[in-house]
Amino acid sequence: MKLKKHTLFILLALFGYLSHASYILIPMDAESQENHLKAYGVTYWTLERDLKVKWLLNYRGGSFLLPDAEIIQRECQIRGVSFEVVSDAQAEQILNEISSPSVNQEAVVLEKAPKIAVYTPYGKQPWDDAVTMVLTYAEIPYETIYDEEVLKDELLLYDWLHLHHEDFTGQYGKFYRTYRSAAWYIKEKKEAEALAKRLGYNKVSDAKLAVALKIRNYVAGGGFMFAMCSATDSFDIALSAENVDICEPMFDGDGSDPGYQNKIDFTNTFAFKDFLLERNPNIYEFSSIDMTRKRRIPKETDYFSLMEYSAKWDPIPTMLTQNHTALVKGFMGQTTSFTRDQIKSNVLVMGENKTNGEAKYIHGIKGKGFFTFYGGHDPEDYTHRVGDPKTELDLHPTSPGYRLILNNVLFPAAKKKKQKT
């Protein structure tokens, strides 16, 4: 019955498209769009129904061109997404303008809704993580997985993977000094140790390394990985410290390897190099990668700028930086941003705060796959802390910081072109 309904929808949609020869334009500029975030959800919803969409890079904030059908118009209206119906001739004129070599624009075809997985501990609430919040708000479906599923190679079922704010080093987020007596910290530590043993590992750090290696292989094989906050640097640190014990006794029950800083291997990492690990377990920091403790920027002037790329020659970073503003509000996290001179030369810095010499939003290629690291915890909660209330995205439907997350969600749907930069 479900298959029949799905087929009927496609036939009706195609009939409407062919008979009216018109399109739905979802504008994404600041002036025309009332809900940028839900616009991505409508686009994903359309792709789920086997209909192709054109992403108009740098055209009115990165607009979407959809086939016209009454049911799609109704979906836009239900979700509060602004749209315009344009004729076939108008759409052709727009595409002709975009194709001109004199403009920095491009039309990229989105073909298939990517299957999305969120790597997150069992029992975490959606508001613990910006990505799960915005996926839920945009009504984009996702599935949750954790260590057991990753080690069983279930990542192969997905096109896009988000890493929740995880600590892949086995140091429990470096919360030891402040929260070691808190009931939630004790509970989560015990649960992590029990899970590691159930999976066949003596230490949480060993289990997390095994998971990180599986994720590395997933990306190298063609997957797309997106990570925020501590999942960015702790992932690379875990890879660099393969076969090296960097955990102090309060984390894994025995001492760390003497001189472990000199034993880590930067060739194993995705994005970072030449960083110094933070040895003190009482300091809420993993390494010199993070800029949090080095920042001297008032909240009122804390913004990062998005880089501009050639849409025709470099469509990948252009897709990932689509927005209705080139200046985005900064926000903090355990890993707020990245030290510029500790980023590998083959990694693109797509968002930066030049005044503080920091990178906020970076992207790279690993094997056949891609990764994006985005510093900070929540684009609309400047100093999110343990126990803070969740962000209500109904109050931020046009958030530029959240748009960057959703750019990454749609990226795997695009027909790939080789990046030139």
Protein backbone atom coordinates (compact mmCIF):
# COMPACT_ATOMS: atom_id res chain seq x y z
CA MET A 1 0.00 0.00 0.00
CA LYS A 2 2.83 2.38 0.93
CA LEU A 3 4.60 1.67 -2.38
CA LYS A 4 1.39 2.38 -4.34
CA LYS A 5 0.96 5.73 -2.59
CA HIS A 6 4.57 6.60 -3.29
CA THR A 7 4.19 5.73 -7.00
CA LEU A 8 0.93 7.68 -7.20
CA PHE A 9 2.64 10.75 -5.73
CA ILE A 10 5.41 10.58 -8.32
CA LEU A 11 2.93 10.24 -11.18
CA LEU A 12 0.86 13.17 -9.93
CA ALA A 13 3.96 15.28 -9.41
CA LEU A 14 5.31 14.50 -12.86
CA PHE A 15 1.92 15.11 -14.45
CA GLY A 16 1.74 18.53 -12.82
CA TYR A 17 5.30 19.28 -13.92
CA LEU A 18 4.72 18.28 -17.54
CA SER A 19 1.30 19.88 -17.93
CA HIS A 20 2.15 23.24 -16.39
CA ALA A 21 5.85 23.36 -17.39
CA SER A 22 6.59 25.46 -14.34
CA TYR A 23 8.86 25.30 -11.30
CA ILE A 24 8.88 26.15 -7.64
CA LEU A 25 11.68 28.51 -6.67
CA ILE A 26 12.54 28.48 -2.99
CA PRO A 27 14.53 31.70 -2.49
CA MET A 28 17.22 31.64 0.19
CA ASP A 29 18.18 35.31 0.40
CA ALA A 30 17.60 37.33 3.57
CA GLU A 31 14.78 39.42 2.14
CA SER A 32 12.55 36.73 0.61
CA GLN A 33 12.79 33.65 2.83
CA GLU A 34 10.90 33.41 6.13
CA ASN A 35 12.26 30.01 7.19
CA HIS A 36 15.63 29.08 5.72
CA LEU A 37 16.01 25.98 7.90
CA LYS A 38 12.71 24.35 6.96
CA ALA A 39 13.47 25.12 3.30
CA TYR A 40 16.17 22.46 3.47
CA GLY A 41 13.59 20.07 4.87
CA VAL A 42 11.23 20.68 1.95
CA THR A 43 14.12 20.11 -0.47
CA TYR A 44 15.04 16.84 1.26
CA TRP A 45 11.36 15.80 1.30
CA THR A 46 11.21 16.35 -2.47
CA LEU A 47 14.34 14.28 -3.05
CA GLU A 48 12.84 11.47 -0.98
CA ARG A 49 10.12 11.23 -3.59
CA ASP A 50 12.61 10.56 -6.39
CA LEU A 51 12.34 14.05 -7.85
CA LYS A 52 15.46 16.00 -8.75
CA VAL A 53 16.20 19.48 -7.45
CA LYS A 54 18.57 22.15 -8.72
CA TRP A 55 20.64 23.96 -6.08
CA LEU A 56 21.33 27.44 -7.48
CA LEU A 57 24.68 28.28 -5.93
CA ASN A 58 25.18 31.97 -5.11
CA TYR A 59 21.81 32.81 -6.66
CA ARG A 60 19.67 34.65 -4.10
CA GLY A 61 21.48 33.07 -1.15
CA GLY A 62 21.67 29.57 -2.62
CA SER A 63 18.08 29.03 -3.76
CA PHE A 64 16.43 25.73 -4.73
CA LEU A 65 14.56 25.06 -7.97
CA LEU A 66 11.98 22.27 -7.63
CA PRO A 67 9.49 20.77 -10.10
CA ASP A 68 6.09 22.35 -9.62
CA ALA A 69 3.37 20.23 -8.07
CA GLU A 70 0.45 21.21 -5.88
CA ILE A 71 1.56 18.81 -3.16
CA ILE A 72 5.00 20.46 -2.96
CA GLN A 73 3.43 23.93 -2.78
CA ARG A 74 1.20 22.68 0.02
CA GLU A 75 4.21 21.26 1.87
CA CYS A 76 5.93 24.66 1.66
CA GLN A 77 2.82 26.34 3.03
CA ILE A 78 2.47 23.84 5.89
CA ARG A 79 6.11 24.32 6.91
CA GLY A 80 6.09 28.09 6.53
CA VAL A 81 8.62 28.11 3.70
CA SER A 82 8.51 31.04 1.26
CA PHE A 83 8.32 30.05 -2.42
CA GLU A 84 7.63 31.45 -5.86
CA VAL A 85 6.08 29.70 -8.86
CA VAL A 86 8.05 30.50 -12.02
CA SER A 87 7.23 29.55 -15.58
CA ASP A 88 9.37 27.30 -17.72
CA ALA A 89 10.59 30.36 -19.63
CA GLN A 90 11.49 32.17 -16.39
CA ALA A 91 13.34 29.13 -15.06
CA GLU A 92 15.25 28.80 -18.33
CA GLN A 93 16.21 32.47 -18.14
CA ILE A 94 17.48 32.06 -14.57
CA LEU A 95 19.55 28.99 -15.54
CA ASN A 96 20.95 30.80 -18.58
CA GLU A 97 22.02 33.71 -16.41
CA ILE A 98 23.64 31.35 -13.92
CA SER A 99 25.53 29.50 -16.65
CA SER A 100 27.18 32.70 -17.90
CA PRO A 101 30.99 32.65 -17.39
CA SER A 102 30.77 36.24 -16.16
CA VAL A 103 28.86 35.39 -12.95
CA ASN A 104 30.04 33.37 -9.97
CA GLN A 105 27.03 31.08 -9.90
CA GLU A 106 26.25 27.46 -10.76
CA ALA A 107 23.28 25.09 -10.86
CA VAL A 108 24.02 21.76 -9.17
CA VAL A 109 21.62 18.84 -9.54
CA LEU A 110 20.55 17.12 -6.32
CA GLU A 111 19.56 13.56 -7.17
CA LYS A 112 18.90 11.44 -4.09
CA ALA A 113 18.10 12.04 -0.44
CA PRO A 114 21.16 10.91 1.56
CA LYS A 115 20.63 8.37 4.32
CA ILE A 116 21.70 10.05 7.56
CA ALA A 117 23.21 8.60 10.73
CA VAL A 118 23.96 10.45 13.95
CA TYR A 119 26.64 8.89 16.13
CA THR A 120 25.37 9.60 19.63
CA PRO A 121 25.36 7.88 23.04
CA TYR A 122 22.24 5.98 23.97
CA GLY A 123 19.67 8.08 25.79
CA LYS A 124 20.92 11.47 24.67
CA GLN A 125 18.17 13.99 24.02
CA PRO A 126 17.97 15.79 20.63
CA TRP A 127 18.68 19.16 22.28
CA ASP A 128 22.08 17.91 23.49
CA ASP A 129 23.38 18.46 19.96
CA ALA A 130 22.86 21.20 17.38
CA VAL A 131 22.74 18.80 14.43
CA THR A 132 20.00 16.58 15.84
CA MET A 133 18.06 19.71 16.83
CA VAL A 134 18.16 21.20 13.35
CA LEU A 135 17.43 17.88 11.62
CA THR A 136 14.38 17.51 13.85
CA TYR A 137 13.30 21.11 13.26
CA ALA A 138 13.76 20.83 9.47
CA GLU A 139 11.92 17.46 9.56
CA ILE A 140 14.81 15.62 7.95
CA PRO A 141 14.84 11.95 9.04
CA TYR A 142 17.90 10.39 10.63
CA GLU A 143 18.87 7.28 12.55
CA THR A 144 21.05 7.08 15.65
CA ILE A 145 23.97 4.68 16.00
CA TYR A 146 26.74 4.22 18.52
CA ASP A 147 29.85 2.13 19.15
CA GLU A 148 28.26 -1.28 18.74
CA GLU A 149 26.73 -0.45 15.35
CA VAL A 150 29.92 1.20 14.10
CA LEU A 151 32.04 -1.80 15.04
CA LYS A 152 29.56 -4.03 13.19
CA ASP A 153 30.23 -2.01 10.01
CA GLU A 154 26.70 -0.60 9.92
CA LEU A 155 28.13 2.73 8.74
CA LEU A 156 28.06 1.23 5.26
CA LEU A 157 24.28 1.68 5.31
CA TYR A 158 24.57 5.47 5.42
CA ASP A 159 25.70 8.29 3.12
CA TRP A 160 26.23 10.94 5.81
CA LEU A 161 27.49 10.62 9.36
CA HIS A 162 27.42 13.21 12.12
CA LEU A 163 29.55 12.80 15.22
CA HIS A 164 27.81 13.99 18.37
CA HIS A 165 30.01 15.94 20.80
CA GLU A 166 32.04 12.85 21.57
CA ASP A 167 35.42 12.38 23.26
CA PHE A 168 37.27 9.77 21.21
CA THR A 169 40.33 9.89 23.50
CA GLY A 170 38.68 8.07 26.41
CA GLN A 171 39.06 11.00 28.82
CA TYR A 172 35.32 11.52 29.34
CA GLY A 173 35.31 15.00 27.87
CA LYS A 174 37.98 16.27 30.29
CA PHE A 175 35.17 17.07 32.76
CA TYR A 176 37.13 15.49 35.63
CA ARG A 177 37.97 18.56 37.70
CA THR A 178 34.51 20.13 37.74
CA TYR A 179 32.15 17.18 37.50
CA ARG A 180 33.95 14.07 38.83
CA SER A 181 31.57 13.96 41.83
CA ALA A 182 28.44 14.68 39.80
CA ALA A 183 25.97 11.82 39.54
CA TRP A 184 25.69 12.15 35.75
CA TYR A 185 29.48 12.00 35.29
CA ILE A 186 29.84 8.89 37.48
CA LYS A 187 26.91 7.23 35.70
CA GLU A 188 28.22 7.97 32.19
CA LYS A 189 31.73 6.78 33.11
CA LYS A 190 30.39 3.47 34.42
CA GLU A 191 28.19 3.01 31.36
CA ALA A 192 31.11 3.73 29.02
CA GLU A 193 33.33 1.21 30.83
CA ALA A 194 30.61 -1.44 30.76
CA LEU A 195 30.03 -0.89 27.04
CA ALA A 196 33.76 -1.14 26.28
CA LYS A 197 33.98 -4.46 28.13
CA ARG A 198 30.88 -5.78 26.38
CA LEU A 199 32.54 -4.94 23.07
CA GLY A 200 35.71 -6.80 24.08
CA TYR A 201 37.99 -3.95 25.19
CA ASN A 202 39.73 -3.45 28.52
CA LYS A 203 39.65 0.33 28.31
CA VAL A 204 37.23 2.94 27.01
CA SER A 205 40.12 4.58 25.14
CA ASP A 206 40.77 1.33 23.27
CA ALA A 207 37.11 1.00 22.31
CA LYS A 208 36.93 4.61 21.15
CA LEU A 209 40.08 4.19 19.04
CA ALA A 210 38.55 1.13 17.36
CA VAL A 211 35.44 3.17 16.60
CA ALA A 212 37.52 6.08 15.26
CA LEU A 213 39.40 3.71 12.95
CA LYS A 214 36.10 2.34 11.60
CA ILE A 215 34.90 5.88 10.96
CA ARG A 216 38.20 6.70 9.24
CA ASN A 217 37.71 3.73 6.93
CA TYR A 218 34.11 4.74 6.26
CA VAL A 219 35.21 8.19 5.10
CA ALA A 220 38.15 6.86 3.09
CA GLY A 221 35.73 4.51 1.33
CA GLY A 222 33.51 7.34 0.15
CA GLY A 223 31.42 8.44 3.14
CA PHE A 224 30.78 11.97 4.32
CA MET A 225 31.52 12.85 7.95
CA PHE A 226 30.44 16.00 9.75
CA ALA A 227 31.57 16.83 13.28
CA MET A 228 31.21 19.70 15.73
CA CYS A 229 32.83 20.80 18.96
CA SER A 230 34.95 18.17 20.77
CA ALA A 231 34.22 15.45 18.19
CA THR A 232 36.52 17.33 15.79
CA ASP A 233 39.84 17.51 17.61
CA SER A 234 39.34 14.48 19.87
CA PHE A 235 38.77 12.34 16.76
CA ASP A 236 42.07 13.42 15.21
CA ILE A 237 43.89 13.11 18.55
CA ALA A 238 42.66 9.53 18.94
CA LEU A 239 43.92 8.66 15.44
CA SER A 240 47.29 10.29 16.12
CA ALA A 241 47.68 8.36 19.38
CA GLU A 242 47.09 4.86 18.00
CA ASN A 243 49.17 2.42 20.11
CA VAL A 244 50.05 5.24 22.56
CA ASP A 245 48.48 5.61 26.03
CA ILE A 246 47.69 9.31 26.58
CA CYS A 247 45.18 8.77 29.42
CA GLU A 248 46.03 9.45 33.07
CA PRO A 249 45.04 6.96 35.85
CA MET A 250 41.70 8.62 36.73
CA PHE A 251 40.53 7.89 33.20
CA ASP A 252 41.77 4.36 32.49
CA GLY A 253 43.24 3.00 35.71
CA ASP A 254 46.93 3.14 34.76
CA GLY A 255 49.54 5.71 33.88
CA SER A 256 50.11 7.27 30.49
CA ASP A 257 53.11 6.39 28.33
CA PRO A 258 56.22 8.41 29.26
CA GLY A 259 56.92 11.13 26.71
CA TYR A 260 53.76 10.36 24.77
CA GLN A 261 53.79 13.75 23.02
CA ASN A 262 56.80 12.63 20.99
CA LYS A 263 55.10 9.36 20.01
CA ILE A 264 51.94 10.67 18.37
CA ASP A 265 51.73 10.43 14.59
CA PHE A 266 50.30 13.43 12.73
CA THR A 267 50.20 11.51 9.45
CA ASN A 268 47.21 9.58 10.81
CA THR A 269 45.01 12.64 11.30
CA PHE A 270 42.37 14.11 8.99
CA ALA A 271 42.84 17.82 9.56
CA PHE A 272 45.37 18.75 12.24
CA LYS A 273 49.14 18.70 12.69
CA ASP A 274 51.87 19.78 15.12
CA PHE A 275 49.51 20.13 18.07
CA LEU A 276 50.49 19.77 21.73
CA LEU A 277 48.35 17.55 23.93
CA GLU A 278 47.10 18.88 27.26
CA ARG A 279 48.53 16.53 29.88
CA ASN A 280 46.84 18.01 32.95
CA PRO A 281 43.60 16.07 33.66
CA ASN A 282 42.25 19.06 35.61
CA ILE A 283 42.32 21.34 32.57
CA TYR A 284 39.19 21.33 30.42
CA GLU A 285 41.08 21.08 27.15
CA PHE A 286 42.42 18.35 24.86
CA SER A 287 45.20 20.11 22.99
CA SER A 288 46.52 23.30 21.43
CA ILE A 289 44.20 22.76 18.43
CA ASP A 290 41.35 24.51 20.23
CA MET A 291 41.35 28.32 20.52
CA THR A 292 38.90 28.63 23.44
CA ARG A 293 41.49 29.52 26.09
CA LYS A 294 43.37 31.83 23.69
CA ARG A 295 40.36 33.92 22.64
CA ARG A 296 40.12 37.62 23.48
CA ILE A 297 36.99 38.52 21.53
CA PRO A 298 33.96 40.25 23.10
CA LYS A 299 30.66 38.50 22.42
CA GLU A 300 29.32 41.59 20.66
CA THR A 301 32.06 41.47 18.00
CA ASP A 302 32.47 37.70 17.77
CA TYR A 303 31.74 36.88 14.12
CA PHE A 304 33.42 34.69 11.55
CA SER A 305 33.46 35.31 7.81
CA LEU A 306 32.72 32.75 5.11
CA MET A 307 35.20 32.36 2.28
CA GLU A 308 34.10 32.86 -1.30
CA TYR A 309 34.87 30.21 -3.94
CA SER A 310 34.33 29.84 -7.66
CA ALA A 311 30.94 28.16 -8.02
CA LYS A 312 31.84 26.73 -11.43
CA TRP A 313 35.34 25.52 -10.55
CA ASP A 314 34.92 24.67 -6.86
CA PRO A 315 31.27 23.69 -6.38
CA ILE A 316 31.94 21.63 -3.22
CA PRO A 317 33.13 24.42 -0.90
CA THR A 318 30.66 26.75 -2.61
CA MET A 319 27.81 24.40 -1.64
CA LEU A 320 29.08 24.16 1.92
CA THR A 321 29.26 27.94 2.35
CA GLN A 322 25.87 28.89 0.85
CA ASN A 323 24.21 31.51 3.03
CA HIS A 324 22.27 34.75 3.05
CA THR A 325 25.17 36.51 4.79
CA ALA A 326 28.94 36.21 4.60
CA LEU A 327 29.31 37.16 8.28
CA VAL A 328 28.09 34.62 10.84
CA LYS A 329 27.78 35.04 14.62
CA GLY A 330 30.43 33.15 16.57
CA PHE A 331 29.60 30.72 19.35
CA MET A 332 31.57 28.83 21.98
CA GLY A 333 32.05 25.16 22.79
CA GLN A 334 34.55 22.83 24.39
CA THR A 335 36.29 23.12 21.03
CA THR A 336 35.31 26.59 19.86
CA SER A 337 37.60 27.03 16.87
CA PHE A 338 40.89 25.81 15.43
CA THR A 339 44.44 27.18 15.52
CA ARG A 340 45.25 28.17 11.94
CA ASP A 341 48.88 27.01 11.82
CA GLN A 342 47.90 23.56 13.12
CA ILE A 343 45.61 22.82 10.17
CA LYS A 344 47.07 20.73 7.35
CA SER A 345 47.77 22.55 4.10
CA ASN A 346 45.39 20.35 2.09
CA VAL A 347 42.41 21.28 4.28
CA LEU A 348 40.19 24.20 3.24
CA VAL A 349 39.40 26.90 5.79
CA MET A 350 35.85 27.90 4.79
CA GLY A 351 35.08 30.15 7.77
CA GLU A 352 37.52 32.19 9.85
CA ASN A 353 37.94 34.99 12.36
CA LYS A 354 40.97 36.83 11.03
CA THR A 355 41.32 39.18 13.99
CA ASN A 356 41.94 36.23 16.30
CA GLY A 357 43.80 34.08 13.78
CA GLU A 358 41.37 31.19 14.09
CA ALA A 359 39.48 28.86 11.77
CA LYS A 360 35.86 28.02 12.57
CA TYR A 361 34.68 25.90 9.66
CA ILE A 362 36.98 23.57 7.68
CA HIS A 363 36.63 20.88 5.03
CA GLY A 364 38.82 18.20 3.51
CA ILE A 365 39.06 15.04 1.47
CA LYS A 366 40.08 11.66 2.89
CA GLY A 367 40.47 8.92 0.31
CA LYS A 368 37.21 8.82 -1.65
CA GLY A 369 35.25 10.63 1.04
CA PHE A 370 34.84 14.04 2.64
CA PHE A 371 34.81 15.55 6.11
CA THR A 372 33.75 18.89 7.58
CA PHE A 373 34.68 20.15 11.05
CA TYR A 374 32.65 22.99 12.59
CA GLY A 375 33.86 24.50 15.87
CA GLY A 376 31.48 25.30 18.72
CA HIS A 377 28.44 23.70 20.32
CA ASP A 378 25.30 25.58 19.26
CA PRO A 379 25.13 28.41 16.68
CA GLU A 380 22.34 30.15 18.59
CA ASP A 381 23.59 29.58 22.16
CA TYR A 382 26.80 31.55 22.63
CA THR A 383 28.14 29.90 25.79
CA HIS A 384 26.21 26.63 26.06
CA ARG A 385 26.96 24.93 29.39
CA VAL A 386 25.99 21.65 31.02
CA GLY A 387 22.38 21.93 32.16
CA ASP A 388 21.45 24.94 30.02
CA PRO A 389 17.95 24.88 28.45
CA LYS A 390 17.67 23.77 24.85
CA THR A 391 17.62 26.21 21.96
CA GLU A 392 14.16 26.85 20.50
CA LEU A 393 14.74 26.93 16.76
CA ASP A 394 11.28 28.43 16.20
CA LEU A 395 12.97 31.61 17.42
CA HIS A 396 15.83 31.26 14.90
CA PRO A 397 14.29 30.04 11.60
CA THR A 398 16.75 32.05 9.50
CA SER A 399 19.93 31.20 11.48
CA PRO A 400 23.03 31.49 9.24
CA GLY A 401 25.05 29.32 11.64
CA TYR A 402 22.53 26.49 11.42
CA ARG A 403 22.36 26.84 7.63
CA LEU A 404 25.98 25.71 7.43
CA ILE A 405 25.01 22.42 9.08
CA LEU A 406 22.19 21.84 6.61
CA ASN A 407 24.44 22.65 3.64
CA ASN A 408 26.47 19.62 4.69
CA VAL A 409 23.35 17.46 4.99
CA LEU A 410 22.39 18.12 1.37
CA PHE A 411 25.91 17.92 -0.04
CA PRO A 412 25.91 14.09 -0.56
CA ALA A 413 22.79 14.44 -2.71
CA ALA A 414 24.71 16.38 -5.37
CA LYS A 415 26.25 15.05 -8.55
CA LYS A 416 29.93 15.33 -7.74
CA LYS A 417 32.36 17.43 -9.71
CA LYS A 418 36.09 17.30 -9.08
CA GLN A 419 37.25 20.09 -6.80
CA LYS A 420 39.97 22.32 -8.30
CA THR A 421 41.15 24.22 -5.23
